[in-house]
Protein backbone atom coordinates (compact mmCIF):
# COMPACT_ATOMS: atom_id res chain seq x y z
CA MET A 1 4.87 -6.81 -21.66
CA LYS A 2 4.55 -4.88 -18.19
CA ASN A 3 5.43 -6.89 -15.14
CA SER A 4 2.97 -7.22 -12.36
CA TYR A 5 4.05 -7.04 -8.98
CA LEU A 6 3.33 -10.34 -6.82
CA ILE A 7 3.20 -10.82 -3.11
CA LEU A 8 2.18 -13.88 -1.21
CA LEU A 9 -0.10 -14.10 2.01
CA VAL A 10 -1.70 -16.81 3.87
CA ALA A 11 -5.22 -16.04 3.87
CA SER A 12 -6.54 -19.24 5.33
CA ILE A 13 -5.62 -20.08 9.23
CA LEU A 14 -6.30 -23.13 11.01
CA PHE A 15 -8.19 -22.02 14.21
CA SER A 16 -7.72 -23.93 17.43
CA GLY A 17 -7.58 -22.83 20.95
CA CYS A 18 -9.73 -20.26 22.90
CA THR A 19 -8.30 -17.04 22.39
CA THR A 20 -8.17 -14.37 19.58
CA VAL A 21 -4.37 -13.41 18.17
CA GLN A 22 -3.61 -9.71 17.13
CA LYS A 23 -0.32 -8.83 16.01
CA VAL A 24 0.92 -5.29 14.67
CA ASN A 25 4.35 -4.29 13.28
CA LYS A 26 4.00 -0.50 13.12
CA LEU A 27 5.32 1.85 10.48
CA GLU A 28 8.31 4.09 11.26
CA ALA A 29 7.15 7.61 11.49
CA GLY A 30 7.73 10.02 8.82
CA LYS A 31 8.61 7.64 5.99
CA VAL A 32 4.89 7.33 4.40
CA ASN A 33 3.42 10.63 2.87
CA LEU A 34 1.15 8.96 0.21
CA VAL A 35 -0.36 5.62 0.41
CA CYS A 36 -1.56 3.48 -2.73
CA VAL A 37 -4.37 1.29 -1.34
CA VAL A 38 -4.99 -1.68 -3.44
CA GLU A 39 -8.80 -2.43 -3.65
CA HIS A 40 -9.94 -6.10 -2.84
CA LYS A 41 -13.29 -6.58 -4.48
CA GLU A 42 -13.73 -10.05 -2.94
CA VAL A 43 -13.74 -8.43 0.46
CA ARG A 44 -16.78 -6.62 1.78
CA GLU A 45 -16.88 -2.94 0.50
CA ASN A 46 -17.20 -1.59 3.97
CA VAL A 47 -13.89 -2.87 5.02
CA LEU A 48 -12.23 -0.41 2.31
CA GLU A 49 -14.35 2.26 3.64
CA VAL A 50 -12.92 1.67 7.17
CA ILE A 51 -9.50 1.64 6.14
CA LYS A 52 -9.84 5.09 4.28
CA GLU A 53 -11.56 6.34 7.69
CA GLY A 54 -8.59 5.14 9.66
CA LEU A 55 -6.03 6.88 7.25
CA THR A 56 -7.99 9.98 7.35
CA ASN A 57 -7.88 9.77 11.31
CA HIS A 58 -4.17 9.75 11.03
CA GLY A 59 -3.73 12.45 8.44
CA VAL A 60 -2.36 10.05 5.89
CA ASN A 61 -2.74 10.89 2.27
CA TYR A 62 -4.06 7.88 0.05
CA ARG A 63 -5.06 6.92 -3.33
CA VAL A 64 -7.19 3.80 -4.01
CA VAL A 65 -5.87 1.74 -7.14
CA PRO A 66 -7.10 -1.25 -8.90
CA GLY A 67 -5.54 -4.48 -8.48
CA SER A 68 -6.18 -8.22 -8.32
CA TYR A 69 -6.31 -10.71 -5.36
CA GLN A 70 -6.41 -14.51 -6.32
CA ILE A 71 -6.78 -17.37 -4.05
CA LYS A 72 -4.95 -20.71 -4.69
CA ASN A 73 -4.17 -23.43 -2.22
CA ASN A 74 -5.63 -21.23 0.69
CA LEU A 75 -3.14 -18.67 -0.21
CA TRP A 76 -3.88 -14.94 -1.52
CA TYR A 77 -1.74 -13.77 -4.53
CA PRO A 78 -2.25 -9.86 -5.02
CA THR A 79 -0.78 -8.14 -8.00
CA VAL A 80 -0.67 -4.54 -9.08
CA GLN A 81 0.71 -2.89 -12.14
CA PRO A 82 3.68 -0.63 -11.42
CA GLU A 83 2.07 2.40 -13.05
CA GLN A 84 -0.80 2.07 -10.52
CA VAL A 85 1.48 2.66 -7.52
CA ALA A 86 3.66 5.28 -9.35
CA GLY A 87 4.42 8.13 -6.88
CA CYS A 88 3.37 6.27 -3.80
CA ASP A 89 5.67 5.97 -0.78
CA ALA A 90 3.97 2.73 0.23
CA VAL A 91 1.42 0.09 -1.15
CA LEU A 92 -1.50 -1.14 1.29
CA PHE A 93 -3.10 -4.47 0.74
CA TYR A 94 -5.78 -6.01 2.89
CA VAL A 95 -7.74 -9.31 3.41
CA ALA A 96 -10.88 -10.05 5.53
CA ASN A 97 -12.78 -13.25 6.14
CA TRP A 98 -16.33 -13.81 7.56
CA ASN A 99 -17.57 -17.05 9.15
CA TRP A 100 -21.00 -18.24 10.50
CA ASP A 101 -21.55 -19.11 13.90
CA ILE A 102 -25.12 -18.72 15.01
CA THR A 103 -24.36 -15.26 13.57
CA MET A 104 -21.77 -14.04 11.18
CA TYR A 105 -18.50 -12.68 12.53
CA MET A 106 -15.10 -11.59 11.36
CA LYS A 107 -12.63 -14.37 11.79
CA PHE A 108 -9.54 -13.15 10.09
CA ALA A 109 -8.20 -9.75 8.80
CA ASN A 110 -4.99 -8.62 7.66
CA LEU A 111 -3.40 -5.25 6.54
CA TRP A 112 0.23 -5.34 5.27
CA MET A 113 2.23 -2.57 3.66
CA THR A 114 5.41 -2.56 1.48
CA THR A 115 7.40 -0.34 -0.49
CA PRO A 116 6.23 0.27 -3.95
CA ASP A 117 8.40 -2.20 -5.71
CA ILE A 118 7.18 -4.80 -3.39
CA LYS A 119 10.69 -5.71 -2.07
CA GLN A 120 10.45 -4.68 1.43
CA ARG A 121 7.72 -5.00 4.09
CA LEU A 122 7.18 -1.90 6.11
CA GLY A 123 4.63 -2.87 8.78
CA ASP A 124 1.61 -5.19 9.04
CA ALA A 125 -1.44 -5.92 11.44
CA SER A 126 -3.50 -8.89 11.65
CA TYR A 127 -6.51 -10.42 13.56
CA ASP A 128 -7.03 -13.92 14.18
CA ALA A 129 -10.39 -15.11 15.71
CA ARG A 130 -10.35 -18.50 17.37
CA ALA A 131 -13.05 -20.54 18.57
CA SER A 132 -13.76 -18.48 21.61
CA LEU A 133 -16.73 -16.44 22.75
CA ASN A 134 -15.09 -13.33 22.40
CA LYS A 135 -14.81 -13.80 18.55
CA PHE A 136 -18.14 -11.70 18.25
CA ILE A 137 -16.52 -8.36 18.03
CA ASN A 138 -17.28 -5.09 16.32
CA ALA A 139 -15.73 -5.58 12.80
CA ARG A 140 -15.48 -1.72 12.25
CA ALA A 141 -13.81 -1.17 15.38
CA LYS A 142 -11.28 -3.88 15.24
CA ILE A 143 -10.08 -2.83 11.65
CA LEU A 144 -10.02 0.85 13.00
CA GLU A 145 -7.77 -0.45 15.76
CA LEU A 146 -5.58 -2.47 13.35
CA VAL A 147 -5.06 0.82 11.27
CA ASP A 148 -4.43 2.60 14.32
CA GLY A 149 -1.74 0.20 15.41
CA LEU A 150 0.00 0.10 12.00
CA PHE A 151 0.11 4.14 11.97
CA GLU A 152 0.76 4.62 15.59
CA GLN A 153 3.71 6.98 15.04
CA TYR A 154 1.49 9.17 12.90
CA LYS A 155 -0.09 11.19 15.73
CA ASN A 156 -0.78 14.43 13.76
CA PRO A 157 -3.91 14.26 11.83
CA GLY A 158 -4.29 16.98 9.15
CA GLN A 159 -6.36 17.10 5.86
CA PRO A 160 -5.24 14.32 3.86
CA THR A 161 -5.34 14.60 0.07
CA VAL A 162 -7.58 11.74 -1.42
CA SER A 163 -7.31 10.61 -5.08
CA LYS A 164 -10.04 8.53 -6.22
CA VAL A 165 -9.80 5.87 -8.82
CA GLU A 166 -12.86 5.54 -10.88
CA PRO A 167 -14.30 1.69 -11.09
CA ALA A 168 -13.58 -0.12 -14.38
CA GLN A 169 -16.57 -0.59 -16.65
CA ASN A 170 -18.56 -3.75 -16.08
CA ASN A 171 -16.97 -4.51 -12.73
CA VAL A 172 -19.76 -4.69 -10.23
CA SER A 173 -18.97 -5.73 -6.65
CA LYS A 174 -20.66 -8.63 -5.15
CA PRO A 175 -23.51 -7.79 -3.00
CA LEU A 176 -22.80 -7.76 0.65
CA ALA A 177 -24.90 -8.91 3.51
CA PRO A 178 -24.98 -6.03 6.34
CA GLU A 179 -22.16 -6.26 8.91
CA VAL A 180 -23.57 -7.87 12.26
CA LYS A 181 -22.83 -6.37 15.33
CA LYS A 182 -24.50 -8.56 18.11
CA THR A 183 -22.75 -10.53 20.31
CA ASP A 184 -25.24 -13.49 21.34
CA SER A 185 -27.91 -15.21 19.95
CA THR A 186 -30.50 -13.78 22.00
CA SER A 187 -29.67 -10.20 20.27
CA SER A 188 -28.50 -11.18 16.93
CA GLY A 189 -31.89 -10.59 15.25
CA SER A 190 -34.85 -13.03 14.30
CA THR A 191 -34.25 -16.39 13.10
CA THR A 192 -35.54 -15.11 9.62
CA ASP A 193 -32.71 -12.69 9.24
CA LYS A 194 -30.39 -15.56 10.38
CA LEU A 195 -31.68 -17.59 7.49
CA ARG A 196 -31.09 -14.69 5.09
CA GLU A 197 -27.41 -14.26 6.41
CA LEU A 198 -26.94 -18.08 6.03
CA GLN A 199 -28.43 -17.98 2.38
CA ALA A 200 -26.20 -14.85 1.57
CA LEU A 201 -23.10 -16.99 2.79
CA LYS A 202 -24.08 -19.78 0.55
CA LYS A 203 -24.63 -17.72 -2.39
CA GLU A 204 -21.12 -15.96 -2.06
CA GLY A 205 -19.55 -19.36 -1.88
CA LEU A 206 -18.49 -18.77 1.72
CA ILE A 207 -20.07 -21.99 3.09
CA SER A 208 -20.66 -25.63 1.49
CA GLU A 209 -24.12 -27.03 0.79
CA ASP A 210 -23.63 -29.43 3.86
CA ASP A 211 -22.93 -26.64 6.29
CA TYR A 212 -25.77 -24.55 4.80
CA GLN A 213 -28.27 -27.36 5.27
CA LYS A 214 -26.94 -28.48 8.72
CA LYS A 215 -27.09 -24.63 9.93
CA LYS A 216 -30.65 -24.12 8.33
CA LYS A 217 -32.04 -27.06 10.24
CA GLN A 218 -30.79 -25.98 13.45
CA LEU A 219 -32.47 -22.48 12.88
CA ILE A 220 -35.79 -24.02 11.71
CA ASP A 221 -35.55 -26.14 14.97
CA GLN A 222 -35.41 -23.27 16.99
CA LEU A 223 -38.80 -21.99 15.78
């Protein structure tokens, strides 16, 4: 029986205060030529696309490989089979969570890289949005910023080699609501759009029934 690689990441953070926290432990230069990116199907598809864009910007070769991410007691447990990461110099895992406050915003994102045997962490970059007005940021730009910080030493973009992995049969990603880039209630779209976003959050299990009804009433009262 083949062994699975297992690493542990705290994926749920208790947010307090009024600031955002961003931390980056960058990679050493010249030690990573091919990165295996372990796809996280519970995260919005565009997150993976932005990560790939960031790797391309730094001339880093990558290969997207299948894996699994399970959450238990507010902790993420990603696994990947050894044969999937064979030939890679590093493995990249990622998580990103969205929340609702007038509109949707990215409240947490983390990228971390390990050696293929998962015994050594090579680098990581995280973003933690707390209860403050500046949490309404452009998620795409922020993820690119995390990738840039992680690969800061890789300054010479080339033409990266990309190896794509065909999706498994009958493995359909969850429909994703469009990314919201507005920064205040007056520019975040109509109340109808907000109601649709709220319903999508409930459908995906990201908010409880009580939260859904409370936010729904607030939006309807604004009409």
